[in-house]
């Protein structure tokens, strides 16, 4: 009975992940005992059930381990297999240090790394990968063999790694077309408006796919085609960042417009109370928002990302505490609160109800967009609500101003 160990970061949505699942489906478990070590307990795919297949979930190391030299990472992580003996240990990720350390520290007769990308091209085109390569390239000398998903990437790997004396075998990723056709016939809880211009993309959401770049172009398309709808079906490490970008790109001027009354509220309070330094900060914030709005108003020429929106939230919260009235955030920050709560409610209900939704889309401004509201209407209504609640907050603190 052959003993085999696979090390992979996760089995979420992704081509590499699906390739590993397809390999597991093809293994003859009457002749092999397989342990799969994962650093994430979320699994998107259906795995084969067999007494000789064991899935073992490990605690992921801190993120800064990616910028440690591999020799140090290897020592810090140690042997995660508990001393088990394997005929082959496979680093199926080839990217993350924890998988490499797991394979190299394991008690295995042979250690193999799977190469999924053209390393030479990635080093040329991706600065992030060049930095990571500097730290993890030391692991390559510990492997006995390599597997490449295409013969065309072998020579490039040898050139950048300097490895000439170890065998590299080309094994193309197996695609289970039968499964694809079976799943294509299944009913899904997803539909589009045939009257709209609909575009859909399916895949793993990570920086290599370039979805963040695509969103900027799609926002420009939406300015001229108000009936345009883009659907992205997938998951991955870049999902949270992309959702934040979409929230800002989806509606021109929303974050800026609803924050103007908030800044004006703090300017008014600082003026009445004689808080000169806080007033200068609030006035600078207000001026910056108004200047940015000139370019961010519909149709937007520039967009605010997570850096800007997170700063706005921090500035508003900081001023509320600086004025010693943090509870005023319930009024002046009503739009921020409703937007955040709609996301929390949507995700929580989705998990509890196994797939059902309260809103058509979250955060809530996208719900109104799906209901047919125009971008201008949503921004106008949200800004009006923000102005109303800021006026109520100003009225509420009038007695403290007297």
Protein backbone atom coordinates (compact mmCIF):
# COMPACT_ATOMS: atom_id res chain seq x y z
CA UNK A 1 0.00 0.00 0.00
CA UNK A 2 1.57 3.27 -1.18
CA UNK A 3 1.50 6.15 1.30
CA UNK A 4 0.99 9.56 -0.36
CA UNK A 5 0.70 13.04 1.15
CA UNK A 6 -0.60 16.13 -0.65
CA UNK A 7 -0.10 19.63 0.74
CA UNK A 8 -2.37 22.42 -0.51
CA UNK A 9 -3.47 25.70 1.08
CA UNK A 10 -7.22 25.21 0.52
CA UNK A 11 -9.95 23.62 -1.59
CA UNK A 12 -11.92 26.76 -2.29
CA UNK A 13 -12.95 27.79 -5.81
CA UNK A 14 -10.00 27.61 -8.20
CA UNK A 15 -8.42 25.71 -11.04
CA UNK A 16 -5.50 24.39 -8.99
CA UNK A 17 -7.89 23.22 -6.30
CA UNK A 18 -10.12 21.51 -8.85
CA UNK A 19 -7.09 19.80 -10.38
CA UNK A 20 -6.24 18.24 -7.03
CA UNK A 21 -9.85 17.08 -6.58
CA UNK A 22 -9.78 15.46 -10.03
CA UNK A 23 -6.55 13.64 -9.14
CA UNK A 24 -8.11 12.36 -5.92
CA UNK A 25 -11.11 11.11 -7.90
CA UNK A 26 -8.79 9.13 -10.21
CA UNK A 27 -6.64 7.51 -7.52
CA UNK A 28 -7.06 3.78 -6.90
CA UNK A 29 -7.52 3.77 -3.12
CA UNK A 30 -7.26 -0.01 -2.98
CA UNK A 31 -3.55 0.49 -3.69
CA UNK A 32 -2.90 3.87 -2.09
CA UNK A 33 -3.49 5.55 1.25
CA UNK A 34 -3.67 9.33 0.81
CA UNK A 35 -3.45 12.14 3.35
CA UNK A 36 -4.39 15.65 2.18
CA UNK A 37 -3.08 18.45 4.39
CA UNK A 38 -4.96 21.75 4.09
CA UNK A 39 -4.43 25.10 5.80
CA UNK A 40 -8.08 26.14 5.40
CA UNK A 41 -11.17 24.19 6.49
CA UNK A 42 -13.49 25.64 3.83
CA UNK A 43 -14.06 23.16 0.99
CA UNK A 44 -16.05 24.08 -2.12
CA UNK A 45 -15.75 20.73 -3.89
CA UNK A 46 -17.22 17.29 -3.22
CA UNK A 47 -14.39 14.96 -2.26
CA UNK A 48 -14.41 11.21 -2.80
CA UNK A 49 -15.34 9.26 0.31
CA UNK A 50 -12.99 6.39 1.10
CA UNK A 51 -11.45 4.93 4.22
CA UNK A 52 -7.98 5.38 2.70
CA UNK A 53 -8.46 9.12 2.05
CA UNK A 54 -7.89 11.41 5.01
CA UNK A 55 -8.32 15.19 5.00
CA UNK A 56 -6.28 16.90 7.69
CA UNK A 57 -6.81 20.58 8.50
CA UNK A 58 -3.84 22.56 9.82
CA UNK A 59 -3.60 25.98 11.39
CA UNK A 60 -2.37 28.50 8.81
CA UNK A 61 0.78 30.39 9.76
CA UNK A 62 0.72 34.20 10.12
CA UNK A 63 0.84 36.17 6.89
CA UNK A 64 4.32 37.53 7.54
CA UNK A 65 5.71 34.00 7.06
CA UNK A 66 5.50 34.69 3.33
CA UNK A 67 8.33 37.21 3.61
CA UNK A 68 10.58 35.03 5.74
CA UNK A 69 13.42 33.20 4.10
CA UNK A 70 12.35 29.63 3.56
CA UNK A 71 15.01 28.11 5.77
CA UNK A 72 13.59 30.00 8.75
CA UNK A 73 10.02 29.06 7.82
CA UNK A 74 11.03 25.42 7.60
CA UNK A 75 12.46 25.47 11.11
CA UNK A 76 9.52 27.37 12.65
CA UNK A 77 6.80 25.15 11.18
CA UNK A 78 8.48 21.80 11.79
CA UNK A 79 6.91 18.46 10.89
CA UNK A 80 3.11 18.76 10.79
CA UNK A 81 2.49 15.12 9.87
CA UNK A 82 3.17 13.71 13.33
CA UNK A 83 6.08 11.62 12.07
CA UNK A 84 4.11 9.57 9.53
CA UNK A 85 6.13 7.87 6.78
CA UNK A 86 5.25 8.48 3.15
CA UNK A 87 6.46 7.11 -0.14
CA UNK A 88 5.73 10.46 -1.81
CA UNK A 89 4.96 13.92 -0.41
CA UNK A 90 3.61 16.43 -2.94
CA UNK A 91 3.62 20.22 -2.68
CA UNK A 92 0.60 20.82 -4.88
CA UNK A 93 0.57 24.56 -4.22
CA UNK A 94 4.16 25.47 -5.19
CA UNK A 95 3.50 29.03 -4.03
CA UNK A 96 3.01 29.13 -0.27
CA UNK A 97 5.84 28.38 2.12
CA UNK A 98 3.68 26.38 4.52
CA UNK A 99 3.00 23.73 1.88
CA UNK A 100 6.67 23.51 0.97
CA UNK A 101 7.70 23.23 4.62
CA UNK A 102 5.12 20.50 5.15
CA UNK A 103 6.53 18.43 2.30
CA UNK A 104 10.21 19.01 3.02
CA UNK A 105 9.87 18.37 6.77
CA UNK A 106 7.80 15.23 6.19
CA UNK A 107 9.37 11.79 6.52
CA UNK A 108 9.06 10.93 2.81
CA UNK A 109 11.15 8.90 0.38
CA UNK A 110 10.44 11.35 -2.45
CA UNK A 111 9.40 15.02 -2.40
CA UNK A 112 7.67 16.49 -5.44
CA UNK A 113 6.57 20.03 -6.34
CA UNK A 114 3.74 20.68 -8.80
CA UNK A 115 4.36 23.67 -11.11
CA UNK A 116 1.08 25.27 -12.23
CA UNK A 117 2.29 28.49 -13.83
CA UNK A 118 4.92 29.77 -16.20
CA UNK A 119 7.31 30.94 -13.49
CA UNK A 120 9.45 32.88 -15.93
CA UNK A 121 6.47 34.94 -17.13
CA UNK A 122 5.16 35.49 -13.60
CA UNK A 123 8.53 36.80 -12.45
CA UNK A 124 8.62 39.18 -15.39
CA UNK A 125 5.05 40.52 -15.08
CA UNK A 126 4.26 40.41 -11.35
CA UNK A 127 6.39 42.49 -8.92
CA UNK A 128 4.73 40.76 -5.97
CA UNK A 129 5.79 37.36 -7.24
CA UNK A 130 9.37 38.57 -7.74
CA UNK A 131 9.50 39.61 -4.09
CA UNK A 132 8.04 36.30 -2.88
CA UNK A 133 10.37 34.36 -5.18
CA UNK A 134 13.35 36.00 -3.46
CA UNK A 135 12.22 34.56 -0.14
CA UNK A 136 11.03 31.09 -1.16
CA UNK A 137 13.43 30.11 -3.97
CA UNK A 138 15.62 28.37 -1.41
CA UNK A 139 13.04 25.61 -1.07
CA UNK A 140 13.53 24.37 -4.64
CA UNK A 141 16.78 22.52 -3.92
CA UNK A 142 14.99 20.26 -1.39
CA UNK A 143 12.67 18.62 -3.93
CA UNK A 144 13.60 15.38 -5.69
CA UNK A 145 11.35 15.85 -8.72
CA UNK A 146 8.97 18.36 -10.28
CA UNK A 147 5.72 18.08 -12.20
CA UNK A 148 4.70 20.74 -14.74
CA UNK A 149 1.15 21.12 -16.04
CA UNK A 150 2.51 21.88 -19.51
CA UNK A 151 5.73 21.00 -21.39
CA UNK A 152 5.98 24.65 -22.44
CA UNK A 153 6.74 25.92 -18.93
CA UNK A 154 9.59 23.51 -18.15
CA UNK A 155 12.41 25.38 -19.89
CA UNK A 156 11.39 28.70 -18.30
CA UNK A 157 11.36 27.10 -14.86
CA UNK A 158 14.83 25.67 -15.37
CA UNK A 159 16.17 29.05 -16.49
CA UNK A 160 14.89 31.06 -13.52
CA UNK A 161 15.49 28.36 -10.87
CA UNK A 162 18.87 27.16 -12.11
CA UNK A 163 17.75 23.55 -11.58
CA UNK A 164 19.14 21.42 -14.39
CA UNK A 165 19.85 18.06 -12.79
CA UNK A 166 16.41 17.06 -11.47
CA UNK A 167 13.64 15.44 -13.52
CA UNK A 168 10.57 17.49 -14.50
CA UNK A 169 7.60 15.53 -15.84
CA UNK A 170 4.77 17.18 -17.78
CA UNK A 171 1.35 16.01 -16.55
CA UNK A 172 -1.53 18.13 -17.95
CA UNK A 173 -4.36 18.93 -15.56
CA UNK A 174 -7.18 16.46 -15.90
CA UNK A 175 -10.56 18.02 -16.67
CA UNK A 176 -13.63 15.97 -15.85
CA UNK A 177 -15.86 17.04 -18.75
CA UNK A 178 -18.57 14.63 -17.68
CA UNK A 179 -18.93 16.46 -14.38
CA UNK A 180 -19.10 19.79 -16.18
CA UNK A 181 -21.96 18.64 -18.40
CA UNK A 182 -23.80 17.07 -15.45
CA UNK A 183 -23.60 20.24 -13.38
CA UNK A 184 -24.55 22.42 -16.35
CA UNK A 185 -27.92 20.66 -16.44
CA UNK A 186 -28.68 21.30 -12.76
CA UNK A 187 -31.12 23.99 -11.70
CA UNK A 188 -29.46 26.95 -9.98
CA UNK A 189 -30.85 29.87 -8.01
CA UNK A 190 -29.53 32.42 -10.46
CA UNK A 191 -31.22 34.37 -13.22
CA UNK A 192 -30.60 37.53 -15.21
CA UNK A 193 -32.85 40.10 -16.81
CA UNK A 194 -32.86 39.26 -20.54
CA UNK A 195 -33.60 42.91 -21.31
CA UNK A 196 -30.22 43.94 -19.86
CA UNK A 197 -26.74 43.73 -21.35
CA UNK A 198 -25.42 40.88 -19.20
CA UNK A 199 -21.81 39.75 -18.85
CA UNK A 200 -20.74 36.89 -16.58
CA UNK A 201 -17.34 35.61 -15.46
CA UNK A 202 -16.65 32.47 -13.43
CA UNK A 203 -13.40 31.77 -11.62
CA UNK A 204 -11.11 32.15 -8.65
CA UNK A 205 -10.84 35.71 -7.35
CA UNK A 206 -7.16 36.42 -6.84
CA UNK A 207 -4.71 39.09 -7.92
CA UNK A 208 -3.42 37.01 -10.85
CA UNK A 209 -6.83 37.16 -12.56
CA UNK A 210 -6.81 40.95 -12.75
CA UNK A 211 -10.45 41.46 -11.76
CA UNK A 212 -9.48 44.65 -9.95
CA UNK A 213 -8.27 46.10 -13.26
CA UNK A 214 -11.38 44.87 -15.05
CA UNK A 215 -13.70 46.68 -12.63
CA UNK A 216 -12.32 50.08 -13.61
CA UNK A 217 -13.10 49.42 -17.27
CA UNK A 218 -16.55 48.03 -16.50
CA UNK A 219 -17.38 51.17 -14.53
CA UNK A 220 -16.64 53.19 -17.66
CA UNK A 221 -18.89 50.89 -19.72
CA UNK A 222 -21.71 51.39 -17.24
CA UNK A 223 -21.54 55.15 -17.72
CA UNK A 224 -22.62 54.79 -21.33
CA UNK A 225 -24.74 51.63 -20.96
CA UNK A 226 -27.03 52.00 -17.97
CA UNK A 227 -28.54 48.58 -18.76
CA UNK A 228 -25.15 46.88 -18.29
CA UNK A 229 -24.89 44.22 -15.57
CA UNK A 230 -21.78 42.22 -14.72
CA UNK A 231 -21.94 38.99 -12.70
CA UNK A 232 -18.85 37.43 -11.15
CA UNK A 233 -19.32 33.89 -9.84
CA UNK A 234 -16.39 32.75 -7.74
CA UNK A 235 -14.42 32.95 -4.53
CA UNK A 236 -10.84 33.35 -3.46
CA UNK A 237 -8.37 35.37 -1.39
CA UNK A 238 -9.11 38.57 -3.31
CA UNK A 239 -12.86 38.50 -2.77
CA UNK A 240 -13.09 40.93 0.15
CA UNK A 241 -10.89 43.54 -1.54
CA UNK A 242 -12.82 43.21 -4.80
CA UNK A 243 -16.17 43.58 -3.03
CA UNK A 244 -14.89 46.79 -1.44
CA UNK A 245 -13.80 48.07 -4.83
CA UNK A 246 -17.17 47.19 -6.39
CA UNK A 247 -18.99 49.03 -3.63
CA UNK A 248 -17.11 52.18 -4.56
CA UNK A 249 -17.21 51.72 -8.31
CA UNK A 250 -20.87 50.78 -8.45
CA UNK A 251 -22.27 54.22 -7.64
CA UNK A 252 -20.54 57.42 -8.60
CA UNK A 253 -20.12 59.86 -5.71
CA UNK A 254 -22.01 57.84 -3.07
CA UNK A 255 -19.41 57.74 -0.29
CA UNK A 256 -18.32 61.31 -1.00
CA UNK A 257 -21.84 62.76 -1.16
CA UNK A 258 -23.12 61.18 2.06
CA UNK A 259 -19.96 62.29 3.89
CA UNK A 260 -20.24 65.98 2.95
CA UNK A 261 -23.13 66.67 5.43
CA UNK A 262 -21.22 64.77 8.11
CA UNK A 263 -18.12 66.94 7.65
CA UNK A 264 -20.29 70.06 7.58
CA UNK A 265 -21.87 68.98 10.88
CA UNK A 266 -18.48 68.77 12.58
CA UNK A 267 -17.40 72.11 11.08
CA UNK A 268 -20.54 73.70 12.58
CA UNK A 269 -19.99 72.13 15.99
CA UNK A 270 -16.32 73.14 16.06
CA UNK A 271 -17.22 76.72 15.09
CA UNK A 272 -19.85 77.08 17.82
CA UNK A 273 -17.76 75.44 20.53
CA UNK A 274 -14.55 77.23 19.56
CA UNK A 275 -12.59 74.06 18.88
CA UNK A 276 -10.21 75.66 16.40
CA UNK A 277 -7.92 72.72 15.69
CA UNK A 278 -10.78 70.26 15.25
CA UNK A 279 -12.55 72.82 13.11
CA UNK A 280 -9.54 73.12 10.81
CA UNK A 281 -9.43 69.34 10.41
CA UNK A 282 -13.17 69.12 9.74
CA UNK A 283 -13.00 72.00 7.26
CA UNK A 284 -10.07 70.40 5.46
CA UNK A 285 -12.04 67.16 5.25
CA UNK A 286 -15.07 69.02 3.89
CA UNK A 287 -12.95 70.86 1.32
CA UNK A 288 -11.28 67.67 0.23
CA UNK A 289 -14.62 65.93 -0.22
CA UNK A 290 -16.07 68.79 -2.27
CA UNK A 291 -12.97 68.93 -4.48
CA UNK A 292 -13.01 65.15 -4.96
CA UNK A 293 -16.75 65.25 -5.74
CA UNK A 294 -16.05 67.44 -8.77
CA UNK A 295 -14.38 64.43 -10.38
CA UNK A 296 -16.30 61.67 -8.59
CA UNK A 297 -19.83 62.87 -9.39
CA UNK A 298 -21.73 61.04 -12.13
CA UNK A 299 -20.27 60.31 -14.61
CA UNK A 300 -17.20 59.70 -12.46
CA UNK A 301 -13.72 60.29 -13.81
CA UNK A 302 -11.97 59.02 -10.68
CA UNK A 303 -13.08 56.54 -8.02
CA UNK A 304 -12.53 56.14 -4.31
CA UNK A 305 -11.16 52.82 -3.19
CA UNK A 306 -10.88 51.14 0.21
CA UNK A 307 -8.07 53.48 1.30
CA UNK A 308 -10.27 56.56 0.92
CA UNK A 309 -13.46 55.08 2.32
CA UNK A 310 -11.71 53.58 5.34
CA UNK A 311 -10.07 56.94 6.03
CA UNK A 312 -13.49 58.65 5.92
CA UNK A 313 -14.89 56.18 8.43
CA UNK A 314 -11.89 56.60 10.71
CA UNK A 315 -12.00 60.40 10.45
CA UNK A 316 -15.70 60.59 11.29
CA UNK A 317 -15.34 58.20 14.24
CA UNK A 318 -12.24 60.01 15.46
CA UNK A 319 -13.94 63.42 15.39
CA UNK A 320 -16.95 62.06 17.27
CA UNK A 321 -14.69 60.90 20.09
CA UNK A 322 -12.61 64.09 19.93
CA UNK A 323 -15.78 66.11 20.51
CA UNK A 324 -16.68 63.72 23.37
CA UNK A 325 -19.97 62.65 21.80
CA UNK A 326 -19.43 59.17 20.29
CA UNK A 327 -23.15 58.35 20.39
CA UNK A 328 -23.74 61.06 17.79
CA UNK A 329 -22.38 58.53 15.27
CA UNK A 330 -25.77 56.79 15.42
CA UNK A 331 -27.22 59.85 13.69
CA UNK A 332 -24.48 61.36 11.53
CA UNK A 333 -23.23 57.92 10.52
CA UNK A 334 -26.63 56.42 9.79
CA UNK A 335 -25.77 55.60 6.16
CA UNK A 336 -22.49 53.94 7.16
CA UNK A 337 -24.32 51.89 9.79
CA UNK A 338 -27.15 50.81 7.49
CA UNK A 339 -24.71 49.84 4.73
CA UNK A 340 -22.61 47.74 7.13
CA UNK A 341 -25.62 46.13 8.84
CA UNK A 342 -27.14 45.17 5.50
CA UNK A 343 -23.96 43.26 4.67
CA UNK A 344 -23.89 41.54 8.08
CA UNK A 345 -27.59 40.63 7.91
CA UNK A 346 -27.29 39.34 4.36
CA UNK A 347 -24.29 37.12 5.08
CA UNK A 348 -25.67 35.88 8.40
CA UNK A 349 -29.10 35.03 6.98
CA UNK A 350 -27.51 33.41 3.92
CA UNK A 351 -25.53 31.03 6.15
CA UNK A 352 -28.40 30.30 8.55
CA UNK A 353 -30.96 29.70 5.79
CA UNK A 354 -28.54 27.74 3.58
CA UNK A 355 -28.63 30.05 0.58
CA UNK A 356 -31.61 32.38 1.01
CA UNK A 357 -31.29 36.17 0.92
CA UNK A 358 -33.10 39.08 2.53
CA UNK A 359 -31.87 41.68 0.05
CA UNK A 360 -31.48 41.21 -3.66
CA UNK A 361 -27.86 42.26 -3.20
CA UNK A 362 -25.81 43.70 -0.36
CA UNK A 363 -24.81 46.27 0.74
CA UNK A 364 -28.23 47.85 0.57
CA UNK A 365 -27.55 50.46 -2.13
CA UNK A 366 -27.06 47.56 -4.56
CA UNK A 367 -30.47 46.22 -3.47
CA UNK A 368 -32.10 49.46 -4.62
CA UNK A 369 -30.06 49.33 -7.80
CA UNK A 370 -31.41 45.83 -8.49
CA UNK A 371 -34.91 47.19 -7.83
CA UNK A 372 -34.48 49.58 -10.75
CA UNK A 373 -33.33 52.78 -9.03
CA UNK A 374 -30.88 54.82 -11.09
CA UNK A 375 -27.46 55.70 -9.71
CA UNK A 376 -28.38 59.37 -9.48
CA UNK A 377 -31.56 58.57 -7.54
CA UNK A 378 -29.75 56.36 -5.05
CA UNK A 379 -27.00 58.90 -4.42
CA UNK A 380 -29.57 61.70 -4.08
CA UNK A 381 -31.79 59.79 -1.62
CA UNK A 382 -28.87 58.55 0.48
CA UNK A 383 -27.37 62.05 0.61
CA UNK A 384 -30.75 63.51 1.60
CA UNK A 385 -31.07 60.94 4.42
CA UNK A 386 -27.53 61.72 5.59
CA UNK A 387 -28.31 65.48 5.53
CA UNK A 388 -31.56 64.99 7.46
CA UNK A 389 -29.93 62.96 10.21
CA UNK A 390 -26.99 65.37 10.44
CA UNK A 391 -29.49 68.21 10.86
CA UNK A 392 -31.23 66.25 13.64
CA UNK A 393 -27.84 65.64 15.27
CA UNK A 394 -27.01 69.35 15.08
CA UNK A 395 -30.36 70.22 16.64
CA UNK A 396 -29.70 67.66 19.37
CA UNK A 397 -26.42 69.22 20.42
CA UNK A 398 -27.70 72.82 20.28
CA UNK A 399 -28.21 72.84 24.03
CA UNK A 400 -24.54 71.98 24.53
CA UNK A 401 -23.64 74.85 22.22
CA UNK A 402 -25.59 77.41 24.24
